[in-house]
């Protein structure tokens, strides 16, 4: 295909994001459209978008002496706490402010 030299970098069609001209002019915004024609694809997209974070049910129960003990039987309905689970690797990744996701190809004006 055709190539263009921009800021000393050779760019070809691999760096062009597909777009729908009608939606681009209607909403005056960049919209990346892709056609999904299988019902399993649609189910996956909605499940992925609405998934949310990993969650756990936790309870902190004090002992008679005021310390906590995790091995006691608990009334989960009475002591219900809705928590988000963050693994040690995810926690350290976020503490050091590493990027969580990337964009490829980069969008330029």
Protein backbone atom coordinates (compact mmCIF):
# COMPACT_ATOMS: atom_id res chain seq x y z
CA UNK A 1 0.00 0.00 0.00
CA UNK A 2 0.87 3.65 0.18
CA UNK A 3 3.24 5.02 2.79
CA UNK A 4 3.67 8.51 4.24
CA UNK A 5 6.68 9.98 6.03
CA UNK A 6 5.59 11.82 9.20
CA UNK A 7 8.15 13.26 11.63
CA UNK A 8 10.79 10.96 10.19
CA UNK A 9 8.64 7.84 10.68
CA UNK A 10 7.26 5.88 7.75
CA UNK A 11 3.53 5.22 8.28
CA UNK A 12 1.34 2.85 6.22
CA UNK A 13 -2.24 1.56 6.34
CA UNK A 14 -1.58 -0.52 9.48
CA UNK A 15 -1.80 2.75 11.46
CA UNK A 16 -5.23 3.75 10.09
CA UNK A 17 -8.15 3.06 12.42
CA UNK A 18 -11.33 1.88 10.63
CA UNK A 19 -14.21 4.34 10.93
CA UNK A 20 -17.78 4.93 9.82
CA UNK A 21 -18.09 8.29 8.03
CA UNK A 22 -21.81 8.69 8.84
CA UNK A 23 -21.28 8.20 12.58
CA UNK A 24 -18.20 10.43 12.49
CA UNK A 25 -20.16 13.35 11.02
CA UNK A 26 -23.30 12.72 13.12
CA UNK A 27 -21.58 12.64 16.51
CA UNK A 28 -18.48 14.68 15.55
CA UNK A 29 -16.31 12.23 17.47
CA UNK A 30 -13.97 9.33 16.77
CA UNK A 31 -15.92 6.06 16.85
CA UNK A 32 -14.24 2.73 16.09
CA UNK A 33 -16.85 0.37 14.61
CA UNK A 34 -16.44 -3.37 14.25
CA UNK A 35 -19.06 -5.82 13.03
CA UNK A 36 -19.84 -8.79 15.31
CA UNK A 37 -22.24 -11.20 13.63
CA UNK A 38 -22.19 -14.14 16.04
CA UNK A 39 -24.50 -14.29 19.05
CA UNK A 40 -21.61 -15.55 21.19
CA UNK A 41 -19.65 -12.39 20.36
CA UNK A 42 -22.51 -10.20 21.55
CA UNK A 43 -22.86 -12.21 24.78
CA UNK A 44 -19.11 -11.88 25.39
CA UNK A 45 -19.14 -8.11 24.82
CA UNK A 46 -21.99 -7.50 27.27
CA UNK A 47 -20.50 -9.86 29.84
CA UNK A 48 -17.10 -8.15 29.53
CA UNK A 49 -18.49 -4.60 29.75
CA UNK A 50 -20.73 -5.35 32.75
CA UNK A 51 -18.35 -7.70 34.56
CA UNK A 52 -16.94 -5.35 37.19
CA UNK A 53 -14.16 -6.17 39.63
CA UNK A 54 -13.48 -9.46 41.41
CA UNK A 55 -15.43 -9.42 44.65
CA UNK A 56 -15.38 -11.34 47.94
CA UNK A 57 -17.55 -11.63 51.03
CA UNK A 58 -15.57 -10.93 54.19
CA UNK A 59 -16.20 -10.56 57.89
CA UNK A 60 -14.05 -9.44 60.81
CA UNK A 61 -15.08 -11.10 64.06
CA UNK A 62 -13.57 -10.01 67.40
CA UNK A 63 -12.57 -12.63 70.01
CA UNK A 64 -13.45 -12.35 73.68
CA UNK A 65 -10.11 -10.64 74.29
CA UNK A 66 -10.71 -8.10 71.47
CA UNK A 67 -8.41 -9.61 68.82
CA UNK A 68 -9.69 -10.95 65.52
CA UNK A 69 -9.89 -14.63 64.65
CA UNK A 70 -10.62 -15.80 61.12
CA UNK A 71 -11.47 -19.43 61.98
CA UNK A 72 -14.73 -18.76 63.88
CA UNK A 73 -18.10 -19.62 62.37
CA UNK A 74 -19.77 -16.43 61.25
CA UNK A 75 -23.30 -15.39 60.39
CA UNK A 76 -22.64 -14.24 56.81
CA UNK A 77 -25.99 -12.49 56.46
CA UNK A 78 -25.49 -10.51 59.68
CA UNK A 79 -21.80 -9.76 59.15
CA UNK A 80 -21.88 -9.26 55.36
CA UNK A 81 -19.23 -6.92 53.97
CA UNK A 82 -18.98 -6.50 50.20
CA UNK A 83 -15.32 -6.11 49.23
CA UNK A 84 -13.25 -5.78 46.10
CA UNK A 85 -10.48 -8.36 45.82
CA UNK A 86 -7.11 -7.04 44.63
CA UNK A 87 -4.35 -9.58 44.17
CA UNK A 88 -0.84 -8.70 45.41
CA UNK A 89 0.48 -8.39 41.85
CA UNK A 90 -2.37 -6.05 40.81
CA UNK A 91 -1.93 -3.97 43.97
CA UNK A 92 1.80 -3.47 43.38
CA UNK A 93 1.16 -2.72 39.69
CA UNK A 94 -1.27 0.06 40.67
CA UNK A 95 0.90 1.39 43.53
CA UNK A 96 3.78 1.93 41.11
CA UNK A 97 1.36 3.57 38.61
CA UNK A 98 2.21 1.26 35.71
CA UNK A 99 -0.16 1.45 32.76
CA UNK A 100 -3.20 -0.82 33.10
CA UNK A 101 -4.11 -0.87 29.41
CA UNK A 102 -2.71 0.37 26.13
CA UNK A 103 -4.01 1.79 22.89
CA UNK A 104 -2.86 0.46 19.56
CA UNK A 105 -2.69 2.01 17.07
CA UNK A 106 -2.22 5.42 18.62
CA UNK A 107 -4.75 8.02 17.47
CA UNK A 108 -3.23 11.23 16.11
CA UNK A 109 -4.67 14.41 14.68
